[in-house]
Amino acid sequence: MSRSTVKFALGFLLGLFLGSAIILASMPAQADSLDVRMGAGLKKIPYSAIYSIGYTKDLEKNYSTRLNVGMWTDDQFGHKGSMFMSIAVGRTFGDKEKFHVKIYVGVGFISHPDVILSTPLQFTEEFIIGYGSVVIIFAHWSNGGIKHPNTGRDYPMVGYSLEF
C-alpha cells in the first residue's frame, strides 16, 4: 500500500472521528465518560502490549458509542507496533453503577499493517465485564478477511472509566 493511500486513509478516518465527535456531542445523552485501558497480547502476539484512551457517549436505552485512540507495541519478527483509532456502537446490560456487561462492534484504522493485520482498515469487537468504574475487557482486531494474512489481534485488558 502506498504512502499516499495511507495518508488519505488516515485523513479520512480523522475527519470521520472529528465529525462523529461533533455529532455525538450534540445528541441527548445520559452521561459521558473517559477511560484508560491497558493489556497484553494473546496467542500469536505474546510480546505485545496495548494502551488506549476512550471517550464513551451514553445514548438512549442502554446504547452508547465509543471513540478510542491508542497504540500497541510488538517486537516479534515481522510484527509492528501501531497506533490506532476506532469508533464503535454498543449496548450495556445491567446497572453500570454496579455489575454490568457491555458489547461493542466497530470499525478502526491502524497506522502500520503487518503480518498479523494486513490492511489499515480493521473491525473491532469488545466484550466488557465491569463493576462500577473498573472493567475487564476482551478486544479483538481483524480486517474481516479483506486481505490475507488476517490472523487478528486479541487483547485482554483492564480499564478504569471516569464519568462526567
C-alpha atoms as a PDB file:
ATOM      1  CA  MET A   1       0.000   0.000   0.000  1.00  0.00           C
ATOM      2  CA  SER A   2       1.449   3.375  -0.986  1.00  0.00           C
ATOM      3  CA  ARG A   3       2.174   6.180   1.449  1.00  0.00           C
ATOM      4  CA  SER A   4      -0.354   8.449  -0.287  1.00  0.00           C
ATOM      5  CA  THR A   5      -3.080   5.833   0.243  1.00  0.00           C
ATOM      6  CA  VAL A   6      -2.181   5.543   3.914  1.00  0.00           C
ATOM      7  CA  LYS A   7      -2.128   9.345   4.337  1.00  0.00           C
ATOM      8  CA  PHE A   8      -5.506   9.632   2.609  1.00  0.00           C
ATOM      9  CA  ALA A   9      -6.972   6.891   4.791  1.00  0.00           C
ATOM     10  CA  LEU A  10      -5.588   8.500   7.959  1.00  0.00           C
ATOM     11  CA  GLY A  11      -7.013  11.883   6.942  1.00  0.00           C
ATOM     12  CA  PHE A  12     -10.363  10.353   6.063  1.00  0.00           C
ATOM     13  CA  LEU A  13     -10.557   8.482   9.355  1.00  0.00           C
ATOM     14  CA  LEU A  14      -9.515  11.550  11.349  1.00  0.00           C
ATOM     15  CA  GLY A  15     -12.281  13.513   9.611  1.00  0.00           C
ATOM     16  CA  LEU A  16     -14.723  10.718  10.395  1.00  0.00           C
ATOM     17  CA  PHE A  17     -13.731  10.794  14.060  1.00  0.00           C
ATOM     18  CA  LEU A  18     -13.967  14.577  14.351  1.00  0.00           C
ATOM     19  CA  GLY A  19     -17.314  14.617  12.553  1.00  0.00           C
ATOM     20  CA  SER A  20     -18.593  11.795  14.745  1.00  0.00           C
ATOM     21  CA  ALA A  21     -17.435  13.606  17.882  1.00  0.00           C
ATOM     22  CA  ILE A  22     -19.313  16.764  16.862  1.00  0.00           C
ATOM     23  CA  ILE A  23     -22.479  14.793  16.065  1.00  0.00           C
ATOM     24  CA  LEU A  24     -22.241  12.762  19.270  1.00  0.00           C
ATOM     25  CA  ALA A  25     -21.670  15.872  21.380  1.00  0.00           C
ATOM     26  CA  SER A  26     -24.935  17.348  20.087  1.00  0.00           C
ATOM     27  CA  MET A  27     -27.039  14.245  20.863  1.00  0.00           C
ATOM     28  CA  PRO A  28     -29.053  13.969  24.077  1.00  0.00           C
ATOM     29  CA  ALA A  29     -27.206  11.744  26.489  1.00  0.00           C
ATOM     30  CA  GLN A  30     -27.359  10.378  29.976  1.00  0.00           C
ATOM     31  CA  ALA A  31     -23.626  10.630  30.698  1.00  0.00           C
ATOM     32  CA  ASP A  32     -20.204  10.796  29.121  1.00  0.00           C
ATOM     33  CA  SER A  33     -17.066   9.060  30.315  1.00  0.00           C
ATOM     34  CA  LEU A  34     -13.353   8.896  29.645  1.00  0.00           C
ATOM     35  CA  ASP A  35     -11.465   5.688  30.195  1.00  0.00           C
ATOM     36  CA  VAL A  36      -7.925   4.391  30.164  1.00  0.00           C
ATOM     37  CA  ARG A  37      -7.027   0.804  29.348  1.00  0.00           C
ATOM     38  CA  MET A  38      -4.004  -1.409  29.147  1.00  0.00           C
ATOM     39  CA  GLY A  39      -3.428  -5.044  28.354  1.00  0.00           C
ATOM     40  CA  ALA A  40      -1.230  -7.714  26.819  1.00  0.00           C
ATOM     41  CA  GLY A  41      -1.492  -9.838  23.691  1.00  0.00           C
ATOM     42  CA  LEU A  42      -2.625 -13.458  23.465  1.00  0.00           C
ATOM     43  CA  LYS A  43      -1.602 -16.428  21.282  1.00  0.00           C
ATOM     44  CA  LYS A  44       0.472 -15.253  18.319  1.00  0.00           C
ATOM     45  CA  ILE A  45       1.276 -11.891  19.912  1.00  0.00           C
ATOM     46  CA  PRO A  46       2.558 -12.762  23.408  1.00  0.00           C
ATOM     47  CA  TYR A  47       5.128  -9.939  23.409  1.00  0.00           C
ATOM     48  CA  SER A  48       2.599  -7.267  22.564  1.00  0.00           C
ATOM     49  CA  ALA A  49       1.066  -4.660  24.885  1.00  0.00           C
ATOM     50  CA  ILE A  50      -1.860  -2.318  24.236  1.00  0.00           C
ATOM     51  CA  TYR A  51      -2.703   1.100  25.712  1.00  0.00           C
ATOM     52  CA  SER A  52      -5.724   3.260  24.913  1.00  0.00           C
ATOM     53  CA  ILE A  53      -7.842   6.231  25.911  1.00  0.00           C
ATOM     54  CA  GLY A  54     -11.521   6.246  25.058  1.00  0.00           C
ATOM     55  CA  TYR A  55     -14.497   8.571  25.117  1.00  0.00           C
ATOM     56  CA  THR A  56     -17.916   6.992  25.602  1.00  0.00           C
ATOM     57  CA  LYS A  57     -21.187   8.783  24.978  1.00  0.00           C
ATOM     58  CA  ASP A  58     -24.228   7.123  26.550  1.00  0.00           C
ATOM     59  CA  LEU A  59     -27.294   7.335  24.365  1.00  0.00           C
ATOM     60  CA  GLU A  60     -30.876   6.300  24.995  1.00  0.00           C
ATOM     61  CA  LYS A  61     -31.910   2.910  26.436  1.00  0.00           C
ATOM     62  CA  ASN A  62     -28.520   1.383  27.363  1.00  0.00           C
ATOM     63  CA  TYR A  63     -26.883   2.125  24.000  1.00  0.00           C
ATOM     64  CA  SER A  64     -23.622   4.017  23.673  1.00  0.00           C
ATOM     65  CA  THR A  65     -20.923   4.908  21.226  1.00  0.00           C
ATOM     66  CA  ARG A  66     -17.172   4.935  21.767  1.00  0.00           C
ATOM     67  CA  LEU A  67     -14.274   6.823  20.223  1.00  0.00           C
ATOM     68  CA  ASN A  68     -10.966   5.136  21.021  1.00  0.00           C
ATOM     69  CA  VAL A  69      -7.329   6.030  20.316  1.00  0.00           C
ATOM     70  CA  GLY A  70      -4.242   4.163  21.372  1.00  0.00           C
ATOM     71  CA  MET A  71      -1.308   2.050  20.388  1.00  0.00           C
ATOM     72  CA  TRP A  72       0.112  -1.408  20.716  1.00  0.00           C
ATOM     73  CA  THR A  73       3.712  -2.486  20.850  1.00  0.00           C
ATOM     74  CA  ASP A  74       5.063  -5.665  19.321  1.00  0.00           C
ATOM     75  CA  ASP A  75       8.710  -6.664  18.973  1.00  0.00           C
ATOM     76  CA  GLN A  76       8.385 -10.046  17.273  1.00  0.00           C
ATOM     77  CA  PHE A  77       9.875 -10.559  13.809  1.00  0.00           C
ATOM     78  CA  GLY A  78       7.509  -9.338  11.090  1.00  0.00           C
ATOM     79  CA  HIS A  79       5.176  -7.697  13.589  1.00  0.00           C
ATOM     80  CA  LYS A  80       4.865  -3.950  14.052  1.00  0.00           C
ATOM     81  CA  GLY A  81       3.681  -1.676  16.775  1.00  0.00           C
ATOM     82  CA  SER A  82       0.838   0.528  15.586  1.00  0.00           C
ATOM     83  CA  MET A  83      -1.264   3.497  16.553  1.00  0.00           C
ATOM     84  CA  PHE A  84      -4.999   3.022  16.146  1.00  0.00           C
ATOM     85  CA  MET A  85      -8.313   4.836  16.152  1.00  0.00           C
ATOM     86  CA  SER A  86     -11.747   3.257  16.283  1.00  0.00           C
ATOM     87  CA  ILE A  87     -15.395   4.129  16.604  1.00  0.00           C
ATOM     88  CA  ALA A  88     -17.901   1.600  17.903  1.00  0.00           C
ATOM     89  CA  VAL A  89     -21.506   1.261  18.993  1.00  0.00           C
ATOM     90  CA  GLY A  90     -22.573  -0.931  21.847  1.00  0.00           C
ATOM     91  CA  ARG A  91     -25.117  -1.993  24.381  1.00  0.00           C
ATOM     92  CA  THR A  92     -24.927  -2.221  28.150  1.00  0.00           C
ATOM     93  CA  PHE A  93     -26.651  -4.976  30.096  1.00  0.00           C
ATOM     94  CA  GLY A  94     -27.105  -4.434  33.821  1.00  0.00           C
ATOM     95  CA  ASP A  95     -26.569  -1.399  36.025  1.00  0.00           C
ATOM     96  CA  LYS A  96     -23.378   0.409  35.011  1.00  0.00           C
ATOM     97  CA  GLU A  97     -23.045   1.705  38.579  1.00  0.00           C
ATOM     98  CA  LYS A  98     -22.798  -1.920  39.721  1.00  0.00           C
ATOM     99  CA  PHE A  99     -22.216  -5.150  37.794  1.00  0.00           C
ATOM    100  CA  HIS A 100     -22.608  -4.745  34.024  1.00  0.00           C
ATOM    101  CA  VAL A 101     -21.710  -6.275  30.678  1.00  0.00           C
ATOM    102  CA  LYS A 102     -21.089  -4.249  27.513  1.00  0.00           C
ATOM    103  CA  ILE A 103     -20.704  -5.413  23.932  1.00  0.00           C
ATOM    104  CA  TYR A 104     -19.260  -3.134  21.231  1.00  0.00           C
ATOM    105  CA  VAL A 105     -18.677  -3.574  17.491  1.00  0.00           C
ATOM    106  CA  GLY A 106     -16.922  -1.011  15.362  1.00  0.00           C
ATOM    107  CA  VAL A 107     -14.519  -0.004  12.667  1.00  0.00           C
ATOM    108  CA  GLY A 108     -10.978   1.265  13.079  1.00  0.00           C
ATOM    109  CA  PHE A 109      -7.786   2.193  11.363  1.00  0.00           C
ATOM    110  CA  ILE A 110      -4.214   1.172  12.210  1.00  0.00           C
ATOM    111  CA  SER A 111      -1.092   3.068  11.224  1.00  0.00           C
ATOM    112  CA  HIS A 112       1.172   0.065  10.487  1.00  0.00           C
ATOM    113  CA  PRO A 113      -0.260  -3.113   8.927  1.00  0.00           C
ATOM    114  CA  ASP A 114       1.939  -6.190   9.460  1.00  0.00           C
ATOM    115  CA  VAL A 115       1.922  -9.980   9.125  1.00  0.00           C
ATOM    116  CA  ILE A 116      -0.903 -10.211  11.680  1.00  0.00           C
ATOM    117  CA  LEU A 117      -3.171  -7.450  10.313  1.00  0.00           C
ATOM    118  CA  SER A 118      -2.501  -6.845   6.627  1.00  0.00           C
ATOM    119  CA  THR A 119      -4.732  -3.800   5.989  1.00  0.00           C
ATOM    120  CA  PRO A 120      -5.097  -0.365   7.633  1.00  0.00           C
ATOM    121  CA  LEU A 121      -8.903  -0.808   7.802  1.00  0.00           C
ATOM    122  CA  GLN A 122      -9.908  -3.005  10.733  1.00  0.00           C
ATOM    123  CA  PHE A 123     -13.035  -4.195  12.507  1.00  0.00           C
ATOM    124  CA  THR A 124     -13.199  -4.360  16.290  1.00  0.00           C
ATOM    125  CA  GLU A 125     -15.259  -6.245  18.797  1.00  0.00           C
ATOM    126  CA  GLU A 126     -15.157  -5.748  22.553  1.00  0.00           C
ATOM    127  CA  PHE A 127     -16.695  -7.746  25.359  1.00  0.00           C
ATOM    128  CA  ILE A 128     -16.579  -5.887  28.685  1.00  0.00           C
ATOM    129  CA  ILE A 129     -17.393  -7.038  32.203  1.00  0.00           C
ATOM    130  CA  GLY A 130     -17.341  -4.395  34.879  1.00  0.00           C
ATOM    131  CA  TYR A 131     -18.277  -3.321  38.342  1.00  0.00           C
ATOM    132  CA  GLY A 132     -18.725   0.417  38.628  1.00  0.00           C
ATOM    133  CA  SER A 133     -15.756   2.168  37.031  1.00  0.00           C
ATOM    134  CA  VAL A 134     -13.441  -0.865  36.890  1.00  0.00           C
ATOM    135  CA  VAL A 135     -13.690  -3.084  33.813  1.00  0.00           C
ATOM    136  CA  ILE A 136     -12.122  -6.176  32.291  1.00  0.00           C
ATOM    137  CA  ILE A 137     -12.127  -6.124  28.502  1.00  0.00           C
ATOM    138  CA  PHE A 138     -11.534  -8.682  25.781  1.00  0.00           C
ATOM    139  CA  ALA A 139     -10.854  -6.902  22.462  1.00  0.00           C
ATOM    140  CA  HIS A 140     -10.388  -8.397  19.010  1.00  0.00           C
ATOM    141  CA  TRP A 141      -8.996  -6.578  15.940  1.00  0.00           C
ATOM    142  CA  SER A 142      -9.299  -8.109  12.471  1.00  0.00           C
ATOM    143  CA  ASN A 143      -9.682  -6.969   8.869  1.00  0.00           C
ATOM    144  CA  GLY A 144     -12.640  -9.330   8.418  1.00  0.00           C
ATOM    145  CA  GLY A 145     -10.922 -11.343   5.696  1.00  0.00           C
ATOM    146  CA  ILE A 146     -10.477  -8.386   3.314  1.00  0.00           C
ATOM    147  CA  LYS A 147      -6.871  -9.451   2.711  1.00  0.00           C
ATOM    148  CA  HIS A 148      -4.665 -12.244   3.999  1.00  0.00           C
ATOM    149  CA  PRO A 149      -2.880 -12.771   6.285  1.00  0.00           C
ATOM    150  CA  ASN A 150      -5.617 -11.961   8.776  1.00  0.00           C
ATOM    151  CA  THR A 151      -4.722 -13.716  11.994  1.00  0.00           C
ATOM    152  CA  GLY A 152      -6.204 -10.924  14.100  1.00  0.00           C
ATOM    153  CA  ARG A 153      -5.066  -9.494  17.408  1.00  0.00           C
ATOM    154  CA  ASP A 154      -6.691 -10.462  20.706  1.00  0.00           C
ATOM    155  CA  TYR A 155      -6.127  -8.417  23.835  1.00  0.00           C
ATOM    156  CA  PRO A 156      -7.388  -8.935  27.373  1.00  0.00           C
ATOM    157  CA  MET A 157      -7.274  -5.561  29.135  1.00  0.00           C
ATOM    158  CA  VAL A 158      -8.120  -3.856  32.373  1.00  0.00           C
ATOM    159  CA  GLY A 159      -9.557  -0.379  32.451  1.00  0.00           C
ATOM    160  CA  TYR A 160     -10.920   2.416  34.557  1.00  0.00           C
ATOM    161  CA  SER A 161     -13.530   4.978  33.477  1.00  0.00           C
ATOM    162  CA  LEU A 162     -14.299   8.397  34.862  1.00  0.00           C
ATOM    163  CA  GLU A 163     -17.863   9.553  34.314  1.00  0.00           C
ATOM    164  CA  PHE A 164     -18.680  13.242  33.973  1.00  0.00           C
END
